[in-house]
Amino acid sequence: MTGPMPQVTTFAIRGPLARADLPALYERFCDMLHASDADVVLCDVGGIAPDAVAIDALARMQLAAQRNRCQVRLRNASLPLLQLVGFMGLSDVLPDGR
């Protein structure tokens, strides 16, 4: 017997993404988390470059999600972004949600 289906919501990040954009992005993400009962956030990252700013943003979002008993899964991630996530040792923390 399986448990209830997880509540899933989506959140899109559009690029380009600069370090100065991170506080507003984080605030928007946290507002969405508090307004939902999501267990999983499918984060559409198809529009962002595979760089350190993207990894910083995604790691912060995953920490915020964990504080709310939620998990971020990546959607539409490019191969270079997934490779960078893996290189940074975050593949288990930021799984591909395909």
Protein backbone atom coordinates (compact mmCIF):
# COMPACT_ATOMS: atom_id res chain seq x y z
CA MET A 1 0.00 0.00 0.00
CA THR A 2 1.42 3.37 -0.95
CA GLY A 3 1.17 6.64 0.92
CA PRO A 4 -0.48 9.79 -0.34
CA MET A 5 0.85 11.40 -3.49
CA PRO A 6 3.26 14.25 -2.75
CA GLN A 7 2.05 17.79 -3.34
CA VAL A 8 4.05 19.21 -6.24
CA THR A 9 4.40 22.80 -7.38
CA THR A 10 6.58 24.44 -10.00
CA PHE A 11 8.92 27.41 -9.86
CA ALA A 12 10.68 28.86 -12.90
CA ILE A 13 13.98 30.69 -12.98
CA ARG A 14 14.63 32.76 -16.08
CA GLY A 15 18.05 34.04 -17.08
CA PRO A 16 20.36 35.62 -17.25
CA LEU A 17 20.89 35.35 -13.52
CA ALA A 18 23.31 37.69 -11.75
CA ARG A 19 24.50 37.53 -8.15
CA ALA A 20 22.59 40.77 -7.45
CA ASP A 21 19.35 38.95 -8.44
CA LEU A 22 19.70 36.29 -5.74
CA PRO A 23 18.04 38.10 -2.78
CA ALA A 24 14.87 38.85 -4.78
CA LEU A 25 14.82 35.35 -6.27
CA TYR A 26 15.22 33.80 -2.82
CA GLU A 27 12.44 36.00 -1.41
CA ARG A 28 10.09 35.06 -4.26
CA PHE A 29 10.91 31.37 -3.74
CA CYS A 30 10.32 31.55 0.03
CA ASP A 31 7.02 33.38 -0.50
CA MET A 32 5.92 30.60 -2.85
CA LEU A 33 6.94 27.94 -0.32
CA HIS A 34 5.00 29.58 2.49
CA ALA A 35 1.91 29.97 0.28
CA SER A 36 1.88 26.31 -0.76
CA ASP A 37 1.73 22.94 0.93
CA ALA A 38 4.22 21.50 -1.52
CA ASP A 39 6.34 18.48 -0.69
CA VAL A 40 8.29 18.86 -3.95
CA VAL A 41 9.13 21.94 -6.02
CA LEU A 42 9.94 21.23 -9.65
CA CYS A 43 12.31 24.06 -10.44
CA ASP A 44 12.37 24.89 -14.16
CA VAL A 45 15.97 25.90 -14.81
CA GLY A 46 15.89 25.71 -18.60
CA GLY A 47 16.61 29.42 -18.89
CA ILE A 48 19.71 29.78 -16.73
CA ALA A 49 23.39 29.47 -17.54
CA PRO A 50 25.46 26.72 -15.92
CA ASP A 51 27.60 28.87 -13.65
CA ALA A 52 28.46 29.50 -10.00
CA VAL A 53 25.57 31.96 -9.58
CA ALA A 54 23.09 29.29 -10.67
CA ILE A 55 24.57 26.76 -8.25
CA ASP A 56 24.45 29.34 -5.43
CA ALA A 57 20.79 30.10 -6.17
CA LEU A 58 19.79 26.44 -6.36
CA ALA A 59 21.64 25.50 -3.17
CA ARG A 60 19.98 28.36 -1.26
CA MET A 61 16.59 27.34 -2.60
CA GLN A 62 17.14 23.72 -1.55
CA LEU A 63 18.09 24.84 1.97
CA ALA A 64 14.94 26.96 2.20
CA ALA A 65 12.87 24.05 0.91
CA GLN A 66 14.36 21.66 3.47
CA ARG A 67 13.48 24.10 6.25
CA ASN A 68 9.88 23.79 5.02
CA ARG A 69 9.99 19.98 4.75
CA CYS A 70 10.11 20.21 0.99
CA GLN A 71 12.56 19.19 -1.75
CA VAL A 72 13.71 20.92 -4.94
CA ARG A 73 14.02 18.85 -8.10
CA LEU A 74 15.43 20.29 -11.29
CA ARG A 75 13.36 20.41 -14.46
CA ASN A 76 14.63 21.20 -17.97
CA ALA A 77 18.20 21.34 -16.72
CA SER A 78 20.83 21.44 -19.44
CA LEU A 79 23.52 18.78 -19.48
CA PRO A 80 26.20 21.38 -18.59
CA LEU A 81 24.16 22.51 -15.56
CA LEU A 82 23.66 18.91 -14.41
CA GLN A 83 27.38 18.28 -14.86
CA LEU A 84 28.21 21.36 -12.78
CA VAL A 85 25.78 20.26 -10.07
CA GLY A 86 27.56 16.90 -10.05
CA PHE A 87 31.02 18.47 -10.07
CA MET A 88 30.04 20.54 -7.02
CA GLY A 89 28.92 17.35 -5.25
CA LEU A 90 25.26 18.37 -5.17
CA SER A 91 23.65 15.67 -7.34
CA ASP A 92 21.98 14.04 -4.33
CA VAL A 93 20.85 17.42 -2.99
CA LEU A 94 19.60 18.80 -6.33
CA PRO A 95 18.27 15.79 -8.25
CA ASP A 96 17.08 15.96 -11.83
CA GLY A 97 13.28 15.76 -11.75
CA ARG A 98 12.74 14.43 -15.28
